[in-house]
Amino acid sequence: MGWLHRVVLSSLRYKIALLMLAAVCCALLVVGGALAAYEVKDYRQQALSDLSTQARILGRASASALAFDDNEAVRENLQLLSNHPGIAAAAIYDARGKRVGEFHGVNAGATTVPTLPEADGASIDGDRLIVFQRIVEKGEIVGAVYLCGLSELRARLLDFLGILAGAMALSLVVTGFVSAWLQRAITRPILAVATAAHEVVERKDFSLRVERPTEDEVGFLVGAFNRMLGELGQRDAELSSSRRSLEQEIDERRRVDEDLRNLNARLEQHVAQRTAQLETANKELESFSYSVSHDLRTPLRGVVGFADALLEDHAAELSEEAQRKLRIVYGEGLRMGRLIDDLLAFSRLGRKALQTVQVDMEAIAATAWKTATNADPASSARFELNPLPAVQGDPALLTQVWINLLSNAAKFSAKRAQPVVSVAAITDGHEYIYFVRDNGAGFNPKYQDKLFGVFQRLHDSKDFSGTGVGLALVQRIVLRHGGRVWADGQPDHGATFYFSLPKEPRDDAL
């Protein structure tokens, strides 16, 4: 089959010949199939009709004999069927359904005659034709006829197929001669175009042309091919010129790319140096903040201690104004101590490694509320704790987040007649969003970008105490866990502080 595939598909001539032969074969097969189907249908109808006619003739001939119970005449009528070789078996039944006589032809074979007659009708059983017909005499049923004929359909089909095969063979021969003539008239110019195209591909010579043989569609194809060669030649010249220009541009761009790579390398080196310098500066700044805060605690402890001692031991010796000023020194000393503690916590946070475990946020929020309200026993705020999902994180740091947020909520809502602080959470696709809402003093939304800065305060310290470090600490802890923090609020309408934590801990969490 390999050589046949190469021969048939390698040339247009063979393809056209094969197409014509296939078309003729398909047409002959379709027509032959249709004729064969018609022949089968017609033969069956004709054979059943003939057998039914024979049954009527036999019934009429035997009607009188059945009426007078002349069984011998009936049998003689059945024997007359021996002149019909197409009948394999026959039988005649009386009015009571009793078989009076039967006949078996030469080609009967294993054909059996039914014991009782069936309803009138004709049917086909394999290669046998069966007819049952009643015998009526003067309006009364006097018996029934059974005929079984042999079908000659197979023989007729074989004869028909033989004729069809001969017609197909003759048609294919005629088609072969016609296709050979068409090949010379049609495929020769096309093959000339194919040869020219092959030479153009091999030699890149667009000056070749094919002679136009006729003015029909094939001639139009040849003319179009020649025009295409002319356009290709022109475009090839233009492409050669463009290619040279493009090569020059590529060389220029290659030099520019090389310069850019060198510049990027220098920039990366410079960025690396600056990053290292910034990291060093940040470490030095943290160390300096820690050292300053730590060193300030000793003298400040002395100031607060001596101020407290003076108030306790020498209050009687001091005037009221001196006592007032001394209490101011004592209070400011305590405030400075809290500020130093917050600075130390903020400084330590950058150096402390996260200890990530499963954290029960609902439990630590309840504990944080107790811690926040114990620091201010006068607080009468109502605390609403809704279900909170657990999360992976550092329990100590997350506890500090809740303490700072709840302390702020209790502090800024303390002046309300009925202060309320509520805690809840929202589950997003990739994170949990927790929030603390109060009905307190609120804040101006245009200053919300300053909320989480160190020492940034939106309220007067006379109205609300604080160091301005708590929210900065909250932001730093949440960012280290791979989350984010933000707030909403309006003056005198309360505030809501949100922070989100990822459902799955980030690998790059600091």
Protein backbone atom coordinates (compact mmCIF):
# COMPACT_ATOMS: atom_id res chain seq x y z
CA MET A 1 0.00 0.00 0.00
CA GLY A 2 2.96 2.33 0.52
CA TRP A 3 3.85 2.48 -3.19
CA LEU A 4 0.16 2.99 -4.09
CA HIS A 5 -0.06 5.89 -1.65
CA ARG A 6 3.05 7.53 -3.13
CA VAL A 7 1.90 7.04 -6.73
CA VAL A 8 -1.67 8.22 -6.23
CA LEU A 9 -0.97 11.21 -4.03
CA SER A 10 2.25 12.42 -5.63
CA SER A 11 0.66 13.63 -8.90
CA LEU A 12 -2.41 15.69 -9.74
CA ARG A 13 -3.11 13.49 -12.77
CA TYR A 14 -3.54 10.40 -10.66
CA LYS A 15 -5.68 12.32 -8.18
CA ILE A 16 -8.06 13.45 -10.96
CA ALA A 17 -8.26 9.93 -12.39
CA LEU A 18 -8.87 8.46 -8.96
CA LEU A 19 -11.53 11.09 -8.26
CA MET A 20 -13.40 10.33 -11.47
CA LEU A 21 -13.24 6.57 -10.92
CA ALA A 22 -14.42 6.96 -7.35
CA ALA A 23 -17.30 9.21 -8.45
CA VAL A 24 -18.41 6.72 -11.12
CA CYS A 25 -18.15 3.81 -8.68
CA CYS A 26 -20.17 5.66 -6.06
CA ALA A 27 -22.84 6.61 -8.62
CA LEU A 28 -23.10 3.04 -9.92
CA LEU A 29 -23.24 1.62 -6.40
CA VAL A 30 -25.98 4.06 -5.37
CA VAL A 31 -28.02 3.36 -8.54
CA GLY A 32 -27.40 -0.38 -8.28
CA GLY A 33 -28.38 -0.41 -4.62
CA ALA A 34 -31.57 1.48 -5.39
CA LEU A 35 -32.44 -0.89 -8.25
CA ALA A 36 -31.67 -3.92 -6.12
CA ALA A 37 -33.93 -2.63 -3.32
CA TYR A 38 -36.68 -1.98 -5.86
CA GLU A 39 -36.18 -5.43 -7.41
CA VAL A 40 -36.46 -7.12 -4.00
CA LYS A 41 -39.60 -5.21 -3.10
CA ASP A 42 -41.20 -5.77 -6.51
CA TYR A 43 -40.35 -9.48 -6.55
CA ARG A 44 -41.82 -10.06 -3.12
CA GLN A 45 -45.03 -8.25 -3.97
CA GLN A 46 -45.33 -10.08 -7.30
CA ALA A 47 -44.54 -13.50 -5.79
CA LEU A 48 -47.07 -13.09 -2.97
CA SER A 49 -49.65 -11.83 -5.47
CA ASP A 50 -49.08 -14.84 -7.75
CA LEU A 51 -49.25 -17.26 -4.83
CA SER A 52 -52.46 -15.63 -3.58
CA THR A 53 -53.98 -15.93 -7.07
CA GLN A 54 -53.02 -19.60 -7.18
CA ALA A 55 -54.64 -20.10 -3.77
CA ARG A 56 -57.89 -18.51 -5.00
CA ILE A 57 -57.93 -20.71 -8.09
CA LEU A 58 -57.33 -23.83 -6.00
CA GLY A 59 -60.03 -22.75 -3.53
CA ARG A 60 -62.65 -22.21 -6.26
CA ALA A 61 -61.81 -25.54 -7.83
CA SER A 62 -62.22 -27.31 -4.48
CA ALA A 63 -65.24 -25.42 -3.15
CA SER A 64 -67.88 -27.80 -4.56
CA ALA A 65 -65.95 -30.88 -3.46
CA LEU A 66 -65.71 -29.50 0.10
CA ALA A 67 -69.42 -28.67 0.12
CA PHE A 68 -70.26 -32.34 -0.74
CA ASP A 69 -67.43 -33.83 1.40
CA ASP A 70 -65.74 -35.19 -1.70
CA ASN A 71 -62.24 -35.54 -0.22
CA GLU A 72 -60.96 -37.49 -3.18
CA ALA A 73 -61.68 -34.62 -5.58
CA VAL A 74 -59.90 -32.29 -3.21
CA ARG A 75 -56.80 -34.44 -3.23
CA GLU A 76 -56.89 -34.64 -7.03
CA ASN A 77 -56.98 -30.84 -7.19
CA LEU A 78 -53.95 -30.68 -4.89
CA GLN A 79 -52.01 -33.06 -7.12
CA LEU A 80 -52.46 -30.65 -10.03
CA LEU A 81 -49.97 -28.39 -8.20
CA SER A 82 -47.15 -30.73 -9.29
CA ASN A 83 -47.08 -28.68 -12.51
CA HIS A 84 -45.92 -25.69 -10.46
CA PRO A 85 -42.33 -26.34 -9.32
CA GLY A 86 -42.29 -23.16 -7.27
CA ILE A 87 -44.83 -24.55 -4.76
CA ALA A 88 -43.19 -26.52 -1.95
CA ALA A 89 -46.31 -27.58 -0.02
CA ALA A 90 -50.08 -27.12 0.02
CA ALA A 91 -53.08 -28.19 2.07
CA ILE A 92 -56.88 -27.82 2.06
CA TYR A 93 -58.97 -27.73 5.25
CA ASP A 94 -62.72 -28.19 5.61
CA ALA A 95 -65.08 -25.79 7.39
CA ARG A 96 -64.23 -27.37 10.77
CA GLY A 97 -60.49 -26.82 10.26
CA LYS A 98 -59.72 -30.46 9.57
CA ARG A 99 -57.03 -31.07 7.04
CA VAL A 100 -58.67 -32.85 4.09
CA GLY A 101 -55.62 -33.22 1.85
CA GLU A 102 -52.06 -32.02 1.47
CA PHE A 103 -49.38 -31.74 -1.20
CA HIS A 104 -45.55 -31.79 -1.03
CA GLY A 105 -43.58 -30.62 -4.01
CA VAL A 106 -40.23 -31.89 -5.26
CA ASN A 107 -38.36 -29.05 -3.47
CA ALA A 108 -40.43 -29.32 -0.28
CA GLY A 109 -37.47 -30.39 1.86
CA ALA A 110 -38.34 -30.19 5.55
CA THR A 111 -41.47 -28.11 4.97
CA THR A 112 -44.29 -29.15 7.29
CA VAL A 113 -47.96 -28.46 6.68
CA PRO A 114 -49.78 -26.73 9.60
CA THR A 115 -52.31 -28.91 11.39
CA LEU A 116 -54.85 -26.08 11.59
CA PRO A 117 -55.39 -23.16 9.23
CA GLU A 118 -54.45 -19.63 10.22
CA ALA A 119 -56.10 -16.30 9.45
CA ASP A 120 -56.21 -15.08 5.86
CA GLY A 121 -53.03 -13.38 4.72
CA ALA A 122 -49.67 -13.64 2.98
CA SER A 123 -46.25 -13.58 4.65
CA ILE A 124 -42.58 -14.28 4.02
CA ASP A 125 -40.61 -16.64 6.27
CA GLY A 126 -36.96 -16.66 5.21
CA ASP A 127 -36.88 -18.00 1.64
CA ARG A 128 -40.47 -19.30 1.79
CA LEU A 129 -43.72 -17.56 0.81
CA ILE A 130 -46.80 -18.55 2.86
CA VAL A 131 -50.47 -17.85 2.01
CA PHE A 132 -53.63 -18.77 3.96
CA GLN A 133 -56.98 -18.08 2.23
CA ARG A 134 -60.56 -19.01 3.06
CA ILE A 135 -62.77 -20.92 0.58
CA VAL A 136 -66.20 -19.31 0.29
CA GLU A 137 -69.16 -20.97 -1.55
CA LYS A 138 -72.46 -19.08 -1.84
CA GLY A 139 -71.53 -16.76 1.02
CA GLU A 140 -70.52 -19.57 3.38
CA ILE A 141 -66.99 -20.57 4.44
CA VAL A 142 -66.54 -24.17 3.38
CA GLY A 143 -62.78 -24.46 4.04
CA ALA A 144 -59.33 -22.91 3.74
CA VAL A 145 -56.27 -23.21 1.47
CA TYR A 146 -52.63 -23.24 2.57
CA LEU A 147 -49.82 -22.69 0.02
CA CYS A 148 -46.08 -22.54 0.69
CA GLY A 149 -43.96 -21.31 -2.24
CA LEU A 150 -40.19 -21.17 -2.72
CA SER A 151 -38.60 -17.73 -3.06
CA GLU A 152 -36.26 -17.23 -6.04
CA LEU A 153 -35.03 -13.88 -4.69
CA ARG A 154 -31.45 -15.02 -4.06
CA ALA A 155 -30.98 -16.28 -7.61
CA ARG A 156 -32.47 -13.13 -9.08
CA LEU A 157 -30.21 -10.96 -6.89
CA LEU A 158 -27.14 -12.90 -7.99
CA ASP A 159 -28.11 -12.37 -11.64
CA PHE A 160 -28.70 -8.69 -10.96
CA LEU A 161 -25.33 -8.29 -9.20
CA GLY A 162 -23.58 -9.99 -12.09
CA ILE A 163 -25.11 -7.54 -14.54
CA LEU A 164 -24.19 -4.63 -12.22
CA ALA A 165 -20.57 -5.81 -11.94
CA GLY A 166 -20.29 -5.98 -15.71
CA ALA A 167 -21.77 -2.52 -16.12
CA MET A 168 -19.37 -1.14 -13.52
CA ALA A 169 -16.35 -2.70 -15.17
CA LEU A 170 -17.35 -1.27 -18.56
CA SER A 171 -18.06 2.14 -17.02
CA LEU A 172 -14.66 2.20 -15.30
CA VAL A 173 -12.90 1.42 -18.57
CA VAL A 174 -14.74 4.23 -20.34
CA THR A 175 -14.02 6.56 -17.42
CA GLY A 176 -10.32 5.68 -17.60
CA PHE A 177 -10.14 6.76 -21.24
CA VAL A 178 -12.04 9.97 -20.51
CA SER A 179 -9.79 10.81 -17.55
CA ALA A 180 -6.67 10.23 -19.68
CA TRP A 181 -7.95 12.78 -22.20
CA LEU A 182 -8.84 15.27 -19.43
CA GLN A 183 -5.38 14.92 -17.92
CA ARG A 184 -3.76 16.18 -21.10
CA ALA A 185 -6.20 19.08 -21.39
CA ILE A 186 -6.28 20.18 -17.74
CA THR A 187 -3.33 18.93 -15.75
CA ARG A 188 -0.55 19.79 -18.23
CA PRO A 189 -0.72 23.57 -17.59
CA ILE A 190 -1.12 22.98 -13.86
CA LEU A 191 1.92 20.70 -13.82
CA ALA A 192 3.85 23.41 -15.68
CA VAL A 193 2.90 25.87 -12.92
CA ALA A 194 3.97 23.34 -10.26
CA THR A 195 7.34 22.82 -12.00
CA ALA A 196 7.92 26.57 -12.22
CA ALA A 197 6.98 26.98 -8.55
CA HIS A 198 9.46 24.26 -7.59
CA GLU A 199 12.25 25.98 -9.53
CA VAL A 200 11.41 29.33 -7.94
CA VAL A 201 11.65 27.75 -4.49
CA GLU A 202 14.94 26.03 -5.30
CA ARG A 203 16.71 28.85 -7.17
CA LYS A 204 14.89 31.94 -5.82
CA ASP A 205 14.54 33.09 -9.42
CA PHE A 206 11.38 35.18 -9.69
CA SER A 207 12.01 35.99 -13.37
CA LEU A 208 10.55 32.63 -14.51
CA ARG A 209 7.21 32.66 -16.38
CA VAL A 210 4.75 29.96 -17.55
CA GLU A 211 3.23 30.08 -21.06
CA ARG A 212 -0.52 30.70 -20.95
CA PRO A 213 -2.17 27.84 -22.95
CA THR A 214 -5.88 28.83 -22.97
CA GLU A 215 -8.25 31.59 -21.92
CA ASP A 216 -10.32 29.49 -19.54
CA GLU A 217 -9.96 29.11 -15.75
CA VAL A 218 -6.67 27.24 -16.16
CA GLY A 219 -5.34 30.07 -18.32
CA PHE A 220 -6.48 32.56 -15.70
CA LEU A 221 -4.60 30.52 -13.09
CA VAL A 222 -1.40 30.62 -15.18
CA GLY A 223 -1.75 34.37 -15.68
CA ALA A 224 -2.31 34.94 -11.97
CA PHE A 225 0.75 32.80 -11.21
CA ASN A 226 2.90 34.89 -13.55
CA ARG A 227 1.65 38.12 -11.96
CA MET A 228 2.33 36.68 -8.54
CA LEU A 229 5.92 35.88 -9.55
CA GLY A 230 6.36 39.50 -10.66
CA GLU A 231 5.03 40.83 -7.34
CA LEU A 232 7.13 38.35 -5.40
CA GLY A 233 10.23 39.47 -7.25
CA GLN A 234 9.48 43.11 -6.41
CA ARG A 235 8.76 42.30 -2.77
CA ASP A 236 11.87 40.16 -2.53
CA ALA A 237 13.95 43.15 -3.57
CA GLU A 238 12.15 45.32 -1.02
CA LEU A 239 12.63 42.67 1.66
CA SER A 240 16.34 42.45 0.92
CA SER A 241 16.63 46.19 1.39
CA SER A 242 14.53 46.06 4.56
CA ARG A 243 16.58 43.15 5.85
CA ARG A 244 19.78 45.11 5.51
CA SER A 245 18.21 48.06 7.33
CA LEU A 246 16.87 45.75 10.00
CA GLU A 247 20.26 44.14 10.53
CA GLN A 248 21.75 47.58 11.07
CA GLU A 249 18.97 48.42 13.53
CA ILE A 250 19.47 45.11 15.34
CA ASP A 251 23.17 45.85 15.72
CA GLU A 252 22.34 49.28 17.09
CA ARG A 253 19.78 47.83 19.51
CA ARG A 254 22.24 45.18 20.58
CA ARG A 255 24.68 47.89 21.55
CA VAL A 256 21.91 49.79 23.37
CA ASP A 257 20.87 46.60 25.21
CA GLU A 258 24.42 46.00 26.25
CA ASP A 259 24.64 49.54 27.60
CA LEU A 260 21.32 49.06 29.44
CA ARG A 261 22.51 45.80 30.99
CA ASN A 262 25.66 47.50 32.20
CA LEU A 263 23.60 50.37 33.58
CA ASN A 264 21.18 47.97 35.29
CA ALA A 265 24.07 46.09 36.83
CA ARG A 266 25.48 49.33 38.22
CA LEU A 267 22.03 50.36 39.47
CA GLU A 268 21.48 46.98 41.16
CA GLN A 269 24.86 47.26 42.82
CA HIS A 270 24.04 50.80 43.96
CA VAL A 271 20.60 49.68 45.24
CA ALA A 272 22.19 46.78 47.11
CA GLN A 273 24.66 49.15 48.72
CA ARG A 274 21.92 51.60 49.66
CA THR A 275 19.75 48.76 51.01
CA ALA A 276 22.62 47.54 53.16
CA GLN A 277 23.22 51.08 54.40
CA LEU A 278 19.50 51.51 55.22
CA GLU A 279 19.40 48.20 57.07
CA THR A 280 22.44 49.21 59.06
CA ALA A 281 20.90 52.60 59.79
CA ASN A 282 17.63 50.98 60.89
CA LYS A 283 19.46 48.62 63.20
CA GLU A 284 21.50 51.49 64.63
CA LEU A 285 18.31 53.54 65.04
CA GLU A 286 16.57 50.69 66.85
CA SER A 287 19.60 50.15 69.03
CA PHE A 288 19.80 53.87 69.75
CA SER A 289 16.07 54.03 70.57
CA TYR A 290 16.40 51.06 72.87
CA SER A 291 19.50 52.44 74.59
CA VAL A 292 18.02 55.91 75.02
CA SER A 293 14.74 54.53 76.33
CA HIS A 294 16.52 52.13 78.66
CA ASP A 295 18.92 54.78 79.95
CA LEU A 296 16.11 57.27 80.52
CA ARG A 297 14.23 54.93 82.82
CA THR A 298 16.76 55.20 85.71
CA PRO A 299 16.78 59.01 86.14
CA LEU A 300 13.04 59.16 85.42
CA ARG A 301 12.40 56.56 88.11
CA GLY A 302 14.28 58.82 90.53
CA VAL A 303 12.26 61.90 89.53
CA VAL A 304 8.94 60.08 89.99
CA GLY A 305 10.06 58.46 93.24
CA PHE A 306 11.30 61.68 94.84
CA ALA A 307 8.20 63.59 93.68
CA ASP A 308 6.00 60.93 95.28
CA ALA A 309 8.12 61.00 98.45
CA LEU A 310 7.86 64.79 98.72
CA LEU A 311 4.07 64.61 98.34
CA GLU A 312 3.77 61.94 101.02
CA ASP A 313 6.40 63.13 103.55
CA HIS A 314 6.52 66.92 103.16
CA ALA A 315 3.08 67.86 101.90
CA ALA A 316 2.43 69.93 105.06
CA GLU A 317 5.57 71.99 104.46
CA LEU A 318 4.60 72.85 100.88
CA SER A 319 2.08 75.38 99.70
CA GLU A 320 -0.90 74.32 97.62
CA GLU A 321 0.71 75.76 94.48
CA ALA A 322 3.93 73.83 95.17
CA GLN A 323 1.91 70.65 95.72
CA ARG A 324 0.00 71.24 92.46
CA LYS A 325 3.21 71.69 90.52
CA LEU A 326 4.79 68.70 92.21
CA ARG A 327 1.77 66.57 91.26
CA ILE A 328 2.20 67.79 87.67
CA VAL A 329 5.86 66.68 87.80
CA TYR A 330 4.77 63.33 89.22
CA GLY A 331 2.05 62.83 86.56
CA GLU A 332 4.30 63.87 83.69
CA GLY A 333 6.96 61.54 85.01
CA LEU A 334 4.49 58.65 84.97
CA ARG A 335 3.41 59.63 81.44
CA MET A 336 7.06 59.73 80.36
CA GLY A 337 7.50 56.27 81.89
CA ARG A 338 4.60 54.90 79.88
CA LEU A 339 6.02 56.53 76.76
CA ILE A 340 9.42 54.94 77.40
CA ASP A 341 7.74 51.55 77.95
CA ASP A 342 5.89 51.92 74.65
CA LEU A 343 9.10 52.90 72.86
CA LEU A 344 10.88 49.89 74.32
CA ALA A 345 8.03 47.61 73.20
CA PHE A 346 8.07 49.17 69.74
CA SER A 347 11.87 48.73 69.53
CA ARG A 348 11.80 45.12 70.77
CA LEU A 349 9.09 44.21 68.25
CA GLY A 350 11.52 44.55 65.33
CA ARG A 351 13.93 42.03 66.86
CA LYS A 352 11.52 39.49 68.32
CA ALA A 353 10.87 36.33 66.24
CA LEU A 354 7.25 35.26 65.72
CA GLN A 355 6.11 32.17 67.68
CA THR A 356 3.27 31.02 65.42
CA VAL A 357 0.61 28.70 66.88
CA GLN A 358 -3.17 28.29 66.64
CA VAL A 359 -4.64 31.28 68.51
CA ASP A 360 -8.16 31.40 70.02
CA MET A 361 -8.98 35.01 69.11
CA GLU A 362 -12.26 34.99 71.02
CA ALA A 363 -10.54 33.99 74.27
CA ILE A 364 -7.69 36.51 74.02
CA ALA A 365 -10.14 39.29 73.07
CA ALA A 366 -12.12 38.60 76.26
CA THR A 367 -8.93 38.56 78.32
CA ALA A 368 -7.70 41.75 76.66
CA TRP A 369 -10.97 43.52 77.54
CA LYS A 370 -10.52 42.61 81.20
CA THR A 371 -6.95 43.89 81.09
CA ALA A 372 -8.01 47.13 79.40
CA THR A 373 -10.90 47.83 81.81
CA ASN A 374 -8.91 46.84 84.93
CA ALA A 375 -6.53 49.69 84.07
CA ASP A 376 -9.55 52.05 84.26
CA PRO A 377 -11.92 50.78 86.99
CA ALA A 378 -14.27 53.72 86.36
CA SER A 379 -15.07 52.45 82.87
CA SER A 380 -18.74 51.52 82.46
CA ALA A 381 -18.64 50.51 78.79
CA ARG A 382 -20.79 47.58 77.69
CA PHE A 383 -18.69 44.95 75.91
CA GLU A 384 -20.24 42.93 73.05
CA LEU A 385 -18.11 39.96 72.00
CA ASN A 386 -19.26 38.10 68.89
CA PRO A 387 -17.80 34.76 67.67
CA LEU A 388 -14.27 35.15 66.34
CA PRO A 389 -12.46 32.59 64.14
CA ALA A 390 -9.15 31.15 65.31
CA VAL A 391 -6.02 32.03 63.37
CA GLN A 392 -2.34 31.12 63.10
CA GLY A 393 -0.17 33.75 64.82
CA ASP A 394 1.92 34.82 67.81
CA PRO A 395 -0.45 34.81 70.83
CA ALA A 396 1.55 37.34 72.86
CA LEU A 397 1.71 39.87 70.03
CA LEU A 398 -1.93 39.40 69.02
CA THR A 399 -2.94 39.86 72.67
CA GLN A 400 -1.11 43.20 72.60
CA VAL A 401 -3.10 44.16 69.46
CA TRP A 402 -6.42 43.46 71.20
CA ILE A 403 -5.33 45.27 74.40
CA ASN A 404 -4.32 48.41 72.51
CA LEU A 405 -7.47 48.50 70.35
CA LEU A 406 -9.87 47.76 73.23
CA SER A 407 -8.12 50.24 75.54
CA ASN A 408 -8.53 52.96 72.91
CA ALA A 409 -12.19 52.03 72.37
CA ALA A 410 -12.93 52.13 76.11
CA LYS A 411 -11.00 55.39 76.55
CA PHE A 412 -12.58 57.30 73.66
CA SER A 413 -16.12 56.13 74.47
CA ALA A 414 -15.89 56.74 78.25
CA LYS A 415 -17.59 60.16 78.04
CA ARG A 416 -20.75 58.72 76.47
CA ALA A 417 -23.81 58.19 78.64
CA GLN A 418 -24.03 54.57 77.46
CA PRO A 419 -20.64 53.58 76.03
CA VAL A 420 -20.65 50.41 73.90
CA VAL A 421 -17.65 48.51 72.53
CA SER A 422 -18.30 45.60 70.17
CA VAL A 423 -15.95 43.06 68.60
CA ALA A 424 -16.73 40.89 65.54
CA ALA A 425 -15.11 39.32 62.47
CA ILE A 426 -15.73 38.83 58.76
CA THR A 427 -14.44 35.86 56.79
CA ASP A 428 -13.06 36.71 53.36
CA GLY A 429 -11.75 34.40 50.66
CA HIS A 430 -8.14 34.41 51.87
CA GLU A 431 -8.21 36.23 55.21
CA TYR A 432 -10.06 36.91 58.43
CA ILE A 433 -11.05 40.53 59.09
CA TYR A 434 -11.47 41.46 62.78
CA PHE A 435 -12.83 44.82 63.96
CA VAL A 436 -13.41 46.82 67.16
CA ARG A 437 -16.26 49.34 67.04
CA ASP A 438 -17.14 52.00 69.63
CA ASN A 439 -19.62 54.87 69.89
CA GLY A 440 -17.08 57.33 71.25
CA ALA A 441 -15.42 60.53 70.07
CA GLY A 442 -14.50 59.23 66.63
CA PHE A 443 -12.06 61.14 64.38
CA ASN A 444 -11.90 63.28 61.25
CA PRO A 445 -11.54 60.92 58.23
CA LYS A 446 -9.16 63.26 56.41
CA TYR A 447 -6.55 62.62 59.13
CA GLN A 448 -6.88 58.84 59.21
CA ASP A 449 -3.52 58.38 57.44
CA LYS A 450 -1.87 59.76 60.61
CA LEU A 451 -3.56 57.29 62.97
CA PHE A 452 -0.92 54.59 62.80
CA GLY A 453 2.17 56.82 62.95
CA VAL A 454 4.41 56.99 66.00
CA PHE A 455 3.51 59.92 68.34
CA GLN A 456 0.59 60.86 66.06
CA ARG A 457 -2.51 62.00 68.00
CA LEU A 458 -5.82 63.34 66.68
CA HIS A 459 -7.15 64.45 70.07
CA ASP A 460 -5.83 66.79 72.77
CA SER A 461 -3.96 65.03 75.57
CA LYS A 462 -6.05 67.06 78.06
CA ASP A 463 -9.19 65.30 76.79
CA PHE A 464 -7.76 61.81 76.25
CA SER A 465 -4.48 60.58 77.69
CA GLY A 466 -2.04 58.47 75.69
CA THR A 467 1.44 58.31 74.21
CA GLY A 468 0.60 58.00 70.50
CA VAL A 469 2.52 54.72 70.14
CA GLY A 470 -0.25 52.12 70.64
CA LEU A 471 -1.73 52.17 67.12
CA ALA A 472 1.75 52.22 65.55
CA LEU A 473 2.50 49.10 67.58
CA VAL A 474 -0.76 47.49 66.36
CA GLN A 475 0.12 48.21 62.74
CA ARG A 476 3.62 46.80 63.06
CA ILE A 477 2.38 43.56 64.68
CA VAL A 478 -0.33 43.04 62.05
CA LEU A 479 2.08 43.73 59.17
CA ARG A 480 4.53 41.19 60.59
CA HIS A 481 1.73 38.61 60.47
CA GLY A 482 1.13 39.38 56.78
CA GLY A 483 -2.07 41.36 57.36
CA ARG A 484 -3.22 44.94 57.08
CA VAL A 485 -4.89 47.53 59.34
CA TRP A 486 -7.25 50.46 58.66
CA ALA A 487 -9.99 52.50 60.34
CA ASP A 488 -13.29 54.31 59.67
CA GLY A 489 -14.85 57.03 61.77
CA GLN A 490 -16.65 60.35 62.04
CA PRO A 491 -16.32 63.04 64.75
CA ASP A 492 -18.68 62.29 67.68
CA HIS A 493 -20.05 59.22 65.88
CA GLY A 494 -17.60 56.59 67.02
CA ALA A 495 -14.86 54.71 65.18
CA THR A 496 -14.19 51.22 63.83
CA PHE A 497 -10.67 49.80 63.68
CA TYR A 498 -10.08 46.83 61.36
CA PHE A 499 -7.17 44.43 61.05
CA SER A 500 -6.90 41.38 58.79
CA LEU A 501 -4.87 38.19 59.16
CA PRO A 502 -4.33 35.58 56.43
CA LYS A 503 -6.01 32.20 56.83
CA GLU A 504 -2.71 30.54 55.96
CA PRO A 505 0.47 32.07 57.50
CA ARG A 506 2.72 33.69 54.93
CA ASP A 507 6.19 32.23 54.46
CA ASP A 508 7.65 35.75 54.23
CA ALA A 509 6.01 37.04 57.45
CA LEU A 510 8.64 38.96 59.44
